[in-house]
Amino acid sequence: MEIITEDTKDIVIISDIIFNRNYNKPLIHQLIESYRTIGRQGTKAQKTRGEVKGSGKKPWKQKGTGKARAGSFKSPIWRSGGVTFASKNKIYNKKINKKMFRNALKSIFSKLIKEKRLILVKEFTISKPKTKILIEKLKKYLSKKIMIITTFIDQNLFLASRNLYNIKIKNSININPIYLINANIIIVTVNAIKHIEEILK
């Protein structure tokens, strides 16, 4: 499969097996759900009667007081007692294996290329850490959500982009599929796409 770089008009050969796949919606849905659940904290927790601080002593004798029977100060029916069906910390993470992850990314990249949302460039750098310079470089795409993928995140590029909410800078070894799907334009360097191809083999 051939793809032409935007800046130098060079022809780059990329693998059909990786970048020319059918869109597998169920698999991609699983991958996205897996990434979203990682962000859930699951920190809600309540104490059972066994976990509430306090004495286990019987409050009063069983008979002869005229009061209802009571076995513990920590009973759920008492104020400051435990909770009957207490909520506990929960891990929401959904496991997705390496093969599924790779196939989902192959499907996403194939769709991006078919929709002409992936733009290949020889390299992407700026001379100074200035937001103004980056905006000028990306002026024809500024109305869209942009993701830039390189093999190494240049310090100037990182500093220039951190105040721009619609621009994400990622390296080729740490690609977030949610950012990939949400971005309107993906700018990838030649070295980065070759690295991605190597990872997804």
N, C-alpha and C. Protein backbone atom coordinates (compact mmCIF):
# COMPACT_ATOMS: atom_id res chain seq x y z
N MET A 1 0.84 -1.19 0.00
CA MET A 1 0.00 0.00 0.00
C MET A 1 0.88 1.25 0.00
N GLU A 2 0.55 2.21 -0.86
CA GLU A 2 1.34 3.44 -0.97
C GLU A 2 0.61 4.61 -0.32
N ILE A 3 1.37 5.45 0.34
CA ILE A 3 0.83 6.68 0.92
C ILE A 3 1.85 7.80 0.68
N ILE A 4 1.36 8.98 0.33
CA ILE A 4 2.23 10.10 -0.04
C ILE A 4 2.35 11.07 1.13
N THR A 5 3.58 11.50 1.42
CA THR A 5 3.79 12.48 2.50
C THR A 5 3.27 13.85 2.07
N GLU A 6 2.68 14.55 3.01
CA GLU A 6 2.07 15.86 2.73
C GLU A 6 3.10 16.93 2.43
N ASP A 7 4.23 16.88 3.14
CA ASP A 7 5.21 17.97 3.02
C ASP A 7 6.21 17.78 1.87
N THR A 8 6.69 16.54 1.66
CA THR A 8 7.73 16.33 0.64
C THR A 8 7.23 15.59 -0.60
N LYS A 9 5.99 15.09 -0.55
CA LYS A 9 5.39 14.34 -1.67
C LYS A 9 6.15 13.06 -2.01
N ASP A 10 6.82 12.48 -1.00
CA ASP A 10 7.49 11.20 -1.17
C ASP A 10 6.47 10.07 -1.06
N ILE A 11 6.74 8.97 -1.74
CA ILE A 11 5.87 7.79 -1.64
C ILE A 11 6.43 6.84 -0.59
N VAL A 12 5.59 6.48 0.37
CA VAL A 12 6.00 5.57 1.45
C VAL A 12 5.16 4.30 1.33
N ILE A 13 5.83 3.16 1.36
CA ILE A 13 5.14 1.86 1.28
C ILE A 13 4.83 1.38 2.69
N ILE A 14 3.55 1.09 2.93
CA ILE A 14 3.15 0.55 4.23
C ILE A 14 2.40 -0.77 4.02
N SER A 15 2.32 -1.57 5.07
CA SER A 15 1.77 -2.91 4.96
C SER A 15 0.25 -2.91 4.78
N ASP A 16 -0.22 -3.65 3.76
CA ASP A 16 -1.66 -3.84 3.55
C ASP A 16 -2.28 -4.64 4.68
N ILE A 17 -1.52 -5.58 5.22
CA ILE A 17 -2.03 -6.46 6.29
C ILE A 17 -2.39 -5.64 7.52
N ILE A 18 -1.65 -4.56 7.77
CA ILE A 18 -1.87 -3.73 8.96
C ILE A 18 -2.78 -2.54 8.67
N PHE A 19 -2.55 -1.88 7.55
CA PHE A 19 -3.23 -0.61 7.30
C PHE A 19 -4.34 -0.68 6.24
N ASN A 20 -4.75 -1.89 5.89
CA ASN A 20 -5.86 -2.03 4.94
C ASN A 20 -6.82 -3.11 5.41
N ARG A 21 -7.30 -2.94 6.63
CA ARG A 21 -8.18 -3.93 7.25
C ARG A 21 -9.63 -3.44 7.23
N ASN A 22 -10.56 -4.38 7.42
CA ASN A 22 -11.97 -4.01 7.56
C ASN A 22 -12.21 -3.43 8.95
N TYR A 23 -13.21 -2.57 9.07
CA TYR A 23 -13.51 -1.92 10.35
C TYR A 23 -14.27 -2.90 11.24
N ASN A 24 -13.67 -3.28 12.35
CA ASN A 24 -14.26 -4.24 13.28
C ASN A 24 -14.87 -3.49 14.47
N LYS A 25 -16.13 -3.10 14.31
CA LYS A 25 -16.78 -2.26 15.32
C LYS A 25 -16.90 -2.93 16.70
N PRO A 26 -17.34 -4.18 16.80
CA PRO A 26 -17.44 -4.81 18.14
C PRO A 26 -16.10 -4.87 18.88
N LEU A 27 -15.02 -5.19 18.15
CA LEU A 27 -13.69 -5.28 18.77
C LEU A 27 -13.23 -3.90 19.26
N ILE A 28 -13.44 -2.89 18.44
CA ILE A 28 -13.04 -1.53 18.82
C ILE A 28 -13.85 -1.04 20.02
N HIS A 29 -15.13 -1.43 20.05
CA HIS A 29 -15.97 -1.07 21.20
C HIS A 29 -15.40 -1.68 22.49
N GLN A 30 -14.96 -2.93 22.43
CA GLN A 30 -14.35 -3.57 23.61
C GLN A 30 -13.09 -2.83 24.05
N LEU A 31 -12.28 -2.43 23.07
CA LEU A 31 -11.03 -1.71 23.39
C LEU A 31 -11.32 -0.37 24.05
N ILE A 32 -12.28 0.37 23.51
CA ILE A 32 -12.64 1.68 24.06
C ILE A 32 -13.19 1.54 25.48
N GLU A 33 -14.06 0.54 25.67
CA GLU A 33 -14.62 0.31 27.01
C GLU A 33 -13.52 -0.04 28.01
N SER A 34 -12.53 -0.82 27.56
CA SER A 34 -11.41 -1.20 28.42
C SER A 34 -10.64 0.05 28.87
N TYR A 35 -10.38 0.97 27.93
CA TYR A 35 -9.65 2.19 28.26
C TYR A 35 -10.46 3.11 29.18
N ARG A 36 -11.76 3.17 28.95
CA ARG A 36 -12.60 4.05 29.77
C ARG A 36 -12.71 3.56 31.21
N THR A 37 -12.77 2.24 31.39
CA THR A 37 -12.92 1.69 32.74
C THR A 37 -11.66 1.89 33.58
N ILE A 38 -10.50 2.03 32.91
CA ILE A 38 -9.25 2.27 33.65
C ILE A 38 -9.35 3.57 34.46
N GLY A 39 -10.09 4.54 33.94
CA GLY A 39 -10.22 5.84 34.61
C GLY A 39 -11.19 5.83 35.78
N ARG A 40 -11.95 4.77 35.94
CA ARG A 40 -12.91 4.71 37.06
C ARG A 40 -12.18 4.35 38.35
N GLN A 41 -12.43 5.13 39.38
CA GLN A 41 -11.70 4.93 40.63
C GLN A 41 -12.29 3.81 41.49
N GLY A 42 -13.61 3.70 41.53
CA GLY A 42 -14.23 2.66 42.34
C GLY A 42 -13.91 2.79 43.81
N THR A 43 -13.93 4.04 44.34
CA THR A 43 -13.50 4.27 45.72
C THR A 43 -14.66 4.35 46.72
N LYS A 44 -15.89 4.11 46.26
CA LYS A 44 -17.02 4.15 47.20
C LYS A 44 -16.91 2.98 48.16
N ALA A 45 -17.03 3.25 49.47
CA ALA A 45 -16.92 2.16 50.45
C ALA A 45 -17.69 2.52 51.72
N GLN A 46 -18.38 1.54 52.25
CA GLN A 46 -19.08 1.69 53.53
C GLN A 46 -18.65 0.56 54.46
N LYS A 47 -18.87 0.74 55.75
CA LYS A 47 -18.42 -0.26 56.72
C LYS A 47 -19.57 -1.18 57.14
N THR A 48 -19.25 -2.47 57.24
CA THR A 48 -20.20 -3.44 57.77
C THR A 48 -20.13 -3.40 59.29
N ARG A 49 -20.98 -4.13 59.93
CA ARG A 49 -20.96 -4.15 61.41
C ARG A 49 -19.64 -4.71 61.94
N GLY A 50 -18.98 -5.54 61.17
CA GLY A 50 -17.71 -6.09 61.60
C GLY A 50 -16.55 -5.11 61.49
N GLU A 51 -16.74 -4.04 60.71
CA GLU A 51 -15.67 -3.08 60.47
C GLU A 51 -15.83 -1.78 61.25
N VAL A 52 -17.03 -1.54 61.78
CA VAL A 52 -17.27 -0.32 62.55
C VAL A 52 -16.48 -0.36 63.85
N LYS A 53 -15.87 0.79 64.19
CA LYS A 53 -15.09 0.87 65.42
C LYS A 53 -16.01 0.88 66.63
N GLY A 54 -15.68 0.10 67.63
CA GLY A 54 -16.50 0.09 68.85
C GLY A 54 -16.39 -1.26 69.56
N SER A 55 -16.99 -1.32 70.72
CA SER A 55 -16.92 -2.54 71.54
C SER A 55 -17.89 -3.59 71.02
N GLY A 56 -17.53 -4.84 71.24
CA GLY A 56 -18.42 -5.94 70.88
C GLY A 56 -19.25 -6.40 72.07
N LYS A 57 -19.19 -5.63 73.13
CA LYS A 57 -19.91 -6.01 74.36
C LYS A 57 -21.42 -5.88 74.18
N LYS A 58 -22.17 -6.77 74.78
CA LYS A 58 -23.63 -6.69 74.74
C LYS A 58 -24.07 -5.46 75.55
N PRO A 59 -24.92 -4.60 74.96
CA PRO A 59 -25.28 -3.34 75.63
C PRO A 59 -25.95 -3.52 77.00
N TRP A 60 -26.85 -4.45 77.10
CA TRP A 60 -27.52 -4.76 78.38
C TRP A 60 -27.93 -6.23 78.38
N LYS A 61 -28.35 -6.70 79.56
CA LYS A 61 -28.69 -8.13 79.65
C LYS A 61 -29.91 -8.46 78.79
N GLN A 62 -30.03 -9.73 78.45
CA GLN A 62 -31.05 -10.15 77.50
C GLN A 62 -32.46 -9.91 78.02
N LYS A 63 -32.69 -10.19 79.29
CA LYS A 63 -34.07 -10.12 79.83
C LYS A 63 -34.14 -9.21 81.05
N GLY A 64 -35.32 -8.77 81.35
CA GLY A 64 -35.57 -8.07 82.59
C GLY A 64 -35.44 -6.56 82.55
N THR A 65 -35.03 -5.98 81.45
CA THR A 65 -34.85 -4.53 81.41
C THR A 65 -36.06 -3.81 80.81
N GLY A 66 -36.93 -4.54 80.14
CA GLY A 66 -38.06 -3.92 79.46
C GLY A 66 -37.69 -3.36 78.09
N LYS A 67 -36.44 -3.45 77.75
CA LYS A 67 -35.99 -2.95 76.44
C LYS A 67 -35.94 -4.11 75.44
N ALA A 68 -35.89 -3.74 74.18
CA ALA A 68 -35.73 -4.75 73.14
C ALA A 68 -34.35 -5.40 73.26
N ARG A 69 -34.28 -6.63 72.81
CA ARG A 69 -33.00 -7.34 72.85
C ARG A 69 -31.98 -6.65 71.96
N ALA A 70 -30.75 -6.59 72.42
CA ALA A 70 -29.67 -5.99 71.63
C ALA A 70 -28.39 -6.77 71.87
N GLY A 71 -27.66 -7.04 70.78
CA GLY A 71 -26.45 -7.84 70.92
C GLY A 71 -25.18 -7.05 70.70
N SER A 72 -25.31 -5.86 70.07
CA SER A 72 -24.09 -5.12 69.74
C SER A 72 -24.40 -3.65 69.51
N PHE A 73 -23.46 -2.80 69.90
CA PHE A 73 -23.59 -1.37 69.59
C PHE A 73 -23.40 -1.11 68.08
N LYS A 74 -22.83 -2.10 67.40
CA LYS A 74 -22.48 -1.92 65.98
C LYS A 74 -23.57 -2.43 65.04
N SER A 75 -24.72 -2.76 65.57
CA SER A 75 -25.82 -3.26 64.76
C SER A 75 -26.28 -2.23 63.72
N PRO A 76 -26.64 -2.64 62.53
CA PRO A 76 -27.10 -1.70 61.49
C PRO A 76 -28.34 -0.88 61.87
N ILE A 77 -29.11 -1.36 62.85
CA ILE A 77 -30.32 -0.61 63.22
C ILE A 77 -30.02 0.52 64.22
N TRP A 78 -28.78 0.58 64.68
CA TRP A 78 -28.38 1.63 65.62
C TRP A 78 -27.70 2.78 64.87
N ARG A 79 -27.81 3.98 65.46
CA ARG A 79 -27.08 5.14 64.95
C ARG A 79 -25.58 4.86 65.10
N SER A 80 -24.79 5.20 64.08
CA SER A 80 -23.34 4.95 64.03
C SER A 80 -22.99 3.48 63.91
N GLY A 81 -24.00 2.64 63.63
CA GLY A 81 -23.72 1.22 63.42
C GLY A 81 -23.25 0.97 62.00
N GLY A 82 -23.03 -0.31 61.71
CA GLY A 82 -22.59 -0.68 60.37
C GLY A 82 -23.72 -0.61 59.35
N VAL A 83 -23.38 -0.80 58.09
CA VAL A 83 -24.38 -0.80 57.01
C VAL A 83 -24.68 -2.25 56.64
N THR A 84 -25.96 -2.55 56.46
CA THR A 84 -26.37 -3.95 56.22
C THR A 84 -25.75 -4.51 54.94
N PHE A 85 -25.99 -3.85 53.81
CA PHE A 85 -25.40 -4.29 52.54
C PHE A 85 -24.42 -3.21 52.08
N ALA A 86 -23.26 -3.22 52.72
CA ALA A 86 -22.29 -2.14 52.52
C ALA A 86 -21.66 -2.18 51.12
N SER A 87 -21.53 -0.99 50.52
CA SER A 87 -20.83 -0.88 49.24
C SER A 87 -19.33 -1.04 49.48
N LYS A 88 -18.66 -1.68 48.54
CA LYS A 88 -17.23 -1.93 48.69
C LYS A 88 -16.47 -1.44 47.45
N ASN A 89 -15.16 -1.25 47.62
CA ASN A 89 -14.31 -0.87 46.49
C ASN A 89 -14.45 -1.91 45.39
N LYS A 90 -14.52 -1.40 44.17
CA LYS A 90 -14.70 -2.30 43.04
C LYS A 90 -13.69 -1.97 41.95
N ILE A 91 -13.07 -2.98 41.37
CA ILE A 91 -12.16 -2.78 40.25
C ILE A 91 -12.96 -2.98 38.97
N TYR A 92 -13.05 -1.93 38.16
CA TYR A 92 -13.86 -1.97 36.95
C TYR A 92 -13.06 -2.38 35.71
N ASN A 93 -11.76 -2.54 35.85
CA ASN A 93 -10.90 -2.81 34.68
C ASN A 93 -11.37 -4.03 33.89
N LYS A 94 -11.43 -3.86 32.59
CA LYS A 94 -11.76 -4.97 31.69
C LYS A 94 -10.49 -5.36 30.93
N LYS A 95 -10.14 -6.61 31.04
CA LYS A 95 -8.91 -7.07 30.40
C LYS A 95 -9.12 -7.21 28.89
N ILE A 96 -8.12 -6.76 28.14
CA ILE A 96 -8.10 -6.99 26.70
C ILE A 96 -6.71 -7.49 26.34
N ASN A 97 -6.64 -8.61 25.66
CA ASN A 97 -5.32 -9.20 25.41
C ASN A 97 -4.59 -8.50 24.26
N LYS A 98 -3.31 -8.84 24.07
CA LYS A 98 -2.45 -8.15 23.10
C LYS A 98 -2.95 -8.32 21.67
N LYS A 99 -3.42 -9.51 21.36
CA LYS A 99 -3.88 -9.76 19.99
C LYS A 99 -5.10 -8.90 19.66
N MET A 100 -6.03 -8.82 20.59
CA MET A 100 -7.22 -7.98 20.40
C MET A 100 -6.83 -6.51 20.27
N PHE A 101 -5.89 -6.07 21.11
CA PHE A 101 -5.43 -4.68 21.09
C PHE A 101 -4.82 -4.33 19.73
N ARG A 102 -3.95 -5.20 19.25
CA ARG A 102 -3.28 -4.95 17.97
C ARG A 102 -4.28 -4.94 16.81
N ASN A 103 -5.18 -5.91 16.81
CA ASN A 103 -6.17 -5.97 15.73
C ASN A 103 -7.10 -4.77 15.73
N ALA A 104 -7.45 -4.30 16.93
CA ALA A 104 -8.31 -3.11 17.03
C ALA A 104 -7.59 -1.88 16.49
N LEU A 105 -6.32 -1.72 16.83
CA LEU A 105 -5.55 -0.58 16.33
C LEU A 105 -5.36 -0.66 14.81
N LYS A 106 -5.14 -1.86 14.29
CA LYS A 106 -5.04 -2.03 12.83
C LYS A 106 -6.32 -1.57 12.15
N SER A 107 -7.44 -1.95 12.75
CA SER A 107 -8.75 -1.57 12.19
C SER A 107 -8.96 -0.06 12.23
N ILE A 108 -8.55 0.57 13.34
CA ILE A 108 -8.70 2.02 13.49
C ILE A 108 -7.84 2.76 12.47
N PHE A 109 -6.56 2.37 12.37
CA PHE A 109 -5.66 3.03 11.42
C PHE A 109 -6.13 2.84 9.97
N SER A 110 -6.65 1.66 9.66
CA SER A 110 -7.15 1.41 8.31
C SER A 110 -8.32 2.34 7.99
N LYS A 111 -9.20 2.52 8.96
CA LYS A 111 -10.35 3.42 8.75
C LYS A 111 -9.89 4.86 8.59
N LEU A 112 -8.91 5.28 9.37
CA LEU A 112 -8.39 6.65 9.28
C LEU A 112 -7.81 6.93 7.88
N ILE A 113 -7.07 5.94 7.35
CA ILE A 113 -6.47 6.10 6.02
C ILE A 113 -7.55 6.16 4.94
N LYS A 114 -8.56 5.27 5.06
CA LYS A 114 -9.64 5.25 4.07
C LYS A 114 -10.45 6.56 4.08
N GLU A 115 -10.61 7.13 5.26
CA GLU A 115 -11.37 8.38 5.39
C GLU A 115 -10.51 9.62 5.15
N LYS A 116 -9.24 9.39 4.84
CA LYS A 116 -8.27 10.46 4.58
C LYS A 116 -8.15 11.42 5.77
N ARG A 117 -8.21 10.84 6.95
CA ARG A 117 -8.01 11.60 8.19
C ARG A 117 -6.57 11.47 8.68
N LEU A 118 -5.80 10.55 8.10
CA LEU A 118 -4.41 10.37 8.49
C LEU A 118 -3.50 11.06 7.46
N ILE A 119 -2.69 11.98 7.94
CA ILE A 119 -1.78 12.74 7.09
C ILE A 119 -0.34 12.35 7.45
N LEU A 120 0.39 11.90 6.46
CA LEU A 120 1.78 11.48 6.68
C LEU A 120 2.73 12.62 6.33
N VAL A 121 3.69 12.87 7.21
CA VAL A 121 4.70 13.91 6.97
C VAL A 121 6.09 13.32 7.20
N LYS A 122 7.08 13.90 6.53
CA LYS A 122 8.47 13.43 6.69
C LYS A 122 8.91 13.61 8.14
N GLU A 123 8.68 14.80 8.68
CA GLU A 123 8.97 15.09 10.08
C GLU A 123 8.09 16.24 10.54
N PHE A 124 7.94 16.36 11.86
CA PHE A 124 7.12 17.45 12.40
C PHE A 124 7.83 18.06 13.61
N THR A 125 8.46 19.20 13.40
CA THR A 125 9.17 19.90 14.48
C THR A 125 8.93 21.40 14.33
N ILE A 126 9.21 22.13 15.40
CA ILE A 126 9.18 23.59 15.33
C ILE A 126 10.48 24.13 15.94
N SER A 127 10.89 25.31 15.51
CA SER A 127 12.19 25.85 15.89
C SER A 127 12.24 26.38 17.32
N LYS A 128 11.10 26.89 17.81
CA LYS A 128 11.04 27.47 19.16
C LYS A 128 9.79 26.98 19.88
N PRO A 129 9.81 26.97 21.23
CA PRO A 129 8.63 26.52 21.97
C PRO A 129 7.55 27.62 22.04
N LYS A 130 7.05 28.01 20.88
CA LYS A 130 6.08 29.10 20.79
C LYS A 130 4.77 28.58 20.20
N THR A 131 3.68 28.82 20.92
CA THR A 131 2.36 28.41 20.45
C THR A 131 2.02 29.06 19.12
N LYS A 132 2.43 30.30 18.95
CA LYS A 132 2.15 31.04 17.72
C LYS A 132 2.74 30.32 16.49
N ILE A 133 3.96 29.79 16.65
CA ILE A 133 4.63 29.08 15.54
C ILE A 133 3.86 27.80 15.19
N LEU A 134 3.41 27.08 16.22
CA LEU A 134 2.66 25.84 15.99
C LEU A 134 1.32 26.13 15.32
N ILE A 135 0.65 27.17 15.76
CA ILE A 135 -0.63 27.56 15.16
C ILE A 135 -0.45 27.89 13.68
N GLU A 136 0.62 28.60 13.37
CA GLU A 136 0.90 28.96 11.98
C GLU A 136 1.14 27.71 11.13
N LYS A 137 1.83 26.73 11.72
CA LYS A 137 2.15 25.49 11.01
C LYS A 137 0.89 24.66 10.75
N LEU A 138 -0.07 24.76 11.66
CA LEU A 138 -1.29 23.96 11.56
C LEU A 138 -2.51 24.78 11.16
N LYS A 139 -2.30 25.95 10.59
CA LYS A 139 -3.40 26.91 10.38
C LYS A 139 -4.57 26.35 9.56
N LYS A 140 -4.30 25.46 8.61
CA LYS A 140 -5.41 24.95 7.79
C LYS A 140 -6.22 23.84 8.49
N TYR A 141 -5.72 23.37 9.65
CA TYR A 141 -6.44 22.34 10.40
C TYR A 141 -6.98 22.84 11.74
N LEU A 142 -6.79 24.11 12.07
CA LEU A 142 -7.05 24.58 13.43
C LEU A 142 -8.51 24.47 13.88
N SER A 143 -9.43 24.38 12.96
CA SER A 143 -10.84 24.26 13.33
C SER A 143 -11.20 22.83 13.73
N LYS A 144 -10.22 21.91 13.65
CA LYS A 144 -10.48 20.50 13.92
C LYS A 144 -9.64 20.00 15.10
N LYS A 145 -10.05 18.84 15.62
CA LYS A 145 -9.26 18.18 16.66
C LYS A 145 -8.08 17.47 15.99
N ILE A 146 -6.89 17.77 16.48
CA ILE A 146 -5.67 17.26 15.83
C ILE A 146 -4.88 16.38 16.80
N MET A 147 -4.36 15.29 16.28
CA MET A 147 -3.44 14.44 17.05
C MET A 147 -2.16 14.29 16.23
N ILE A 148 -1.02 14.56 16.87
CA ILE A 148 0.27 14.46 16.20
C ILE A 148 1.04 13.29 16.81
N ILE A 149 1.47 12.36 15.98
CA ILE A 149 2.19 11.18 16.46
C ILE A 149 3.62 11.20 15.91
N THR A 150 4.59 11.18 16.82
CA THR A 150 6.00 11.14 16.43
C THR A 150 6.69 10.02 17.22
N THR A 151 7.89 9.67 16.83
CA THR A 151 8.63 8.65 17.59
C THR A 151 9.21 9.24 18.87
N PHE A 152 9.46 10.54 18.84
CA PHE A 152 10.03 11.22 20.01
C PHE A 152 9.36 12.59 20.13
N ILE A 153 8.81 12.89 21.32
CA ILE A 153 8.12 14.18 21.51
C ILE A 153 9.15 15.27 21.74
N ASP A 154 9.28 16.13 20.76
CA ASP A 154 10.20 17.25 20.85
C ASP A 154 9.76 18.22 21.94
N GLN A 155 10.71 18.72 22.75
CA GLN A 155 10.38 19.62 23.85
C GLN A 155 9.70 20.89 23.36
N ASN A 156 10.18 21.44 22.26
CA ASN A 156 9.57 22.65 21.70
C ASN A 156 8.11 22.40 21.32
N LEU A 157 7.86 21.25 20.72
CA LEU A 157 6.51 20.89 20.29
C LEU A 157 5.59 20.69 21.49
N PHE A 158 6.10 20.02 22.51
CA PHE A 158 5.32 19.78 23.72
C PHE A 158 4.93 21.11 24.41
N LEU A 159 5.90 21.99 24.58
CA LEU A 159 5.64 23.27 25.25
C LEU A 159 4.70 24.16 24.44
N ALA A 160 4.83 24.13 23.12
CA ALA A 160 4.00 24.97 22.27
C ALA A 160 2.54 24.50 22.23
N SER A 161 2.32 23.20 22.45
CA SER A 161 0.97 22.64 22.29
C SER A 161 0.19 22.51 23.59
N ARG A 162 0.83 22.67 24.74
CA ARG A 162 0.15 22.32 25.99
C ARG A 162 -1.00 23.26 26.35
N ASN A 163 -1.05 24.46 25.75
CA ASN A 163 -2.18 25.36 26.00
C ASN A 163 -3.29 25.23 24.96
N LEU A 164 -3.10 24.35 24.01
CA LEU A 164 -4.10 24.17 22.94
C LEU A 164 -4.90 22.91 23.22
N TYR A 165 -6.15 23.09 23.63
CA TYR A 165 -6.96 21.95 24.07
C TYR A 165 -7.31 20.98 22.93
N ASN A 166 -7.30 21.46 21.68
CA ASN A 166 -7.71 20.61 20.56
C ASN A 166 -6.53 19.93 19.85
N ILE A 167 -5.34 20.03 20.44
CA ILE A 167 -4.16 19.38 19.86
C ILE A 167 -3.53 18.43 20.88
N LYS A 168 -3.36 17.17 20.47
CA LYS A 168 -2.71 16.16 21.33
C LYS A 168 -1.40 15.73 20.68
N ILE A 169 -0.34 15.65 21.48
CA ILE A 169 0.96 15.18 21.01
C ILE A 169 1.25 13.83 21.67
N LYS A 170 1.46 12.79 20.87
CA LYS A 170 1.73 11.46 21.41
C LYS A 170 2.91 10.83 20.68
N ASN A 171 3.63 9.94 21.40
CA ASN A 171 4.67 9.19 20.70
C ASN A 171 4.10 7.86 20.21
N SER A 172 4.78 7.24 19.28
CA SER A 172 4.24 6.06 18.59
C SER A 172 4.14 4.82 19.46
N ILE A 173 4.77 4.83 20.61
CA ILE A 173 4.72 3.67 21.51
C ILE A 173 3.59 3.79 22.54
N ASN A 174 2.99 4.96 22.60
CA ASN A 174 1.97 5.21 23.63
C ASN A 174 0.73 5.84 22.98
N ILE A 175 0.05 5.06 22.16
CA ILE A 175 -1.10 5.57 21.42
C ILE A 175 -2.39 5.24 22.16
N ASN A 176 -3.20 6.27 22.37
CA ASN A 176 -4.49 6.09 23.03
C ASN A 176 -5.57 5.97 21.95
N PRO A 177 -6.26 4.82 21.85
CA PRO A 177 -7.26 4.64 20.79
C PRO A 177 -8.43 5.62 20.88
N ILE A 178 -8.75 6.09 22.10
CA ILE A 178 -9.84 7.07 22.24
C ILE A 178 -9.48 8.37 21.55
N TYR A 179 -8.23 8.83 21.74
CA TYR A 179 -7.76 10.04 21.05
C TYR A 179 -7.76 9.84 19.53
N LEU A 180 -7.37 8.64 19.10
CA LEU A 180 -7.34 8.34 17.66
C LEU A 180 -8.72 8.49 17.04
N ILE A 181 -9.72 7.92 17.69
CA ILE A 181 -11.08 7.93 17.15
C ILE A 181 -11.68 9.34 17.20
N ASN A 182 -11.40 10.07 18.28
CA ASN A 182 -12.00 11.39 18.46
C ASN A 182 -11.37 12.47 17.58
N ALA A 183 -10.12 12.27 17.18
CA ALA A 183 -9.43 13.30 16.39
C ALA A 183 -9.98 13.35 14.96
N ASN A 184 -10.08 14.57 14.43
CA ASN A 184 -10.49 14.74 13.03
C ASN A 184 -9.32 14.53 12.08
N ILE A 185 -8.13 14.95 12.53
CA ILE A 185 -6.92 14.85 11.72
C ILE A 185 -5.81 14.20 12.55
N ILE A 186 -5.15 13.17 11.99
CA ILE A 186 -4.01 12.53 12.64
C ILE A 186 -2.78 12.82 11.77
N ILE A 187 -1.82 13.54 12.33
CA ILE A 187 -0.57 13.82 11.61
C ILE A 187 0.50 12.86 12.14
N VAL A 188 1.04 12.04 11.25
CA VAL A 188 2.01 11.02 11.65
C VAL A 188 3.30 11.19 10.84
N THR A 189 4.43 11.13 11.53
CA THR A 189 5.71 11.19 10.81
C THR A 189 6.02 9.83 10.19
N VAL A 190 6.89 9.82 9.19
CA VAL A 190 7.26 8.58 8.51
C VAL A 190 7.88 7.58 9.49
N ASN A 191 8.78 8.04 10.34
CA ASN A 191 9.41 7.17 11.33
C ASN A 191 8.38 6.58 12.29
N ALA A 192 7.38 7.40 12.65
CA ALA A 192 6.35 6.96 13.59
C ALA A 192 5.48 5.87 12.98
N ILE A 193 5.09 6.04 11.71
CA ILE A 193 4.21 5.02 11.09
C ILE A 193 4.98 3.71 10.87
N LYS A 194 6.27 3.82 10.61
CA LYS A 194 7.09 2.61 10.48
C LYS A 194 7.22 1.90 11.84
N HIS A 195 7.33 2.70 12.90
CA HIS A 195 7.40 2.14 14.26
C HIS A 195 6.09 1.48 14.63
N ILE A 196 4.97 2.13 14.29
CA ILE A 196 3.64 1.57 14.56
C ILE A 196 3.48 0.25 13.81
N GLU A 197 3.94 0.23 12.56
CA GLU A 197 3.86 -0.99 11.74
C GLU A 197 4.64 -2.13 12.40
N GLU A 198 5.80 -1.81 12.95
CA GLU A 198 6.64 -2.81 13.62
C GLU A 198 5.95 -3.33 14.89
N ILE A 199 5.31 -2.43 15.64
CA ILE A 199 4.62 -2.82 16.88
C ILE A 199 3.43 -3.72 16.59
N LEU A 200 2.69 -3.41 15.52
CA LEU A 200 1.43 -4.12 15.23
C LEU A 200 1.60 -5.39 14.40
N LYS A 201 2.84 -5.76 14.08
CA LYS A 201 3.07 -6.99 13.30
C LYS A 201 2.58 -8.22 14.05
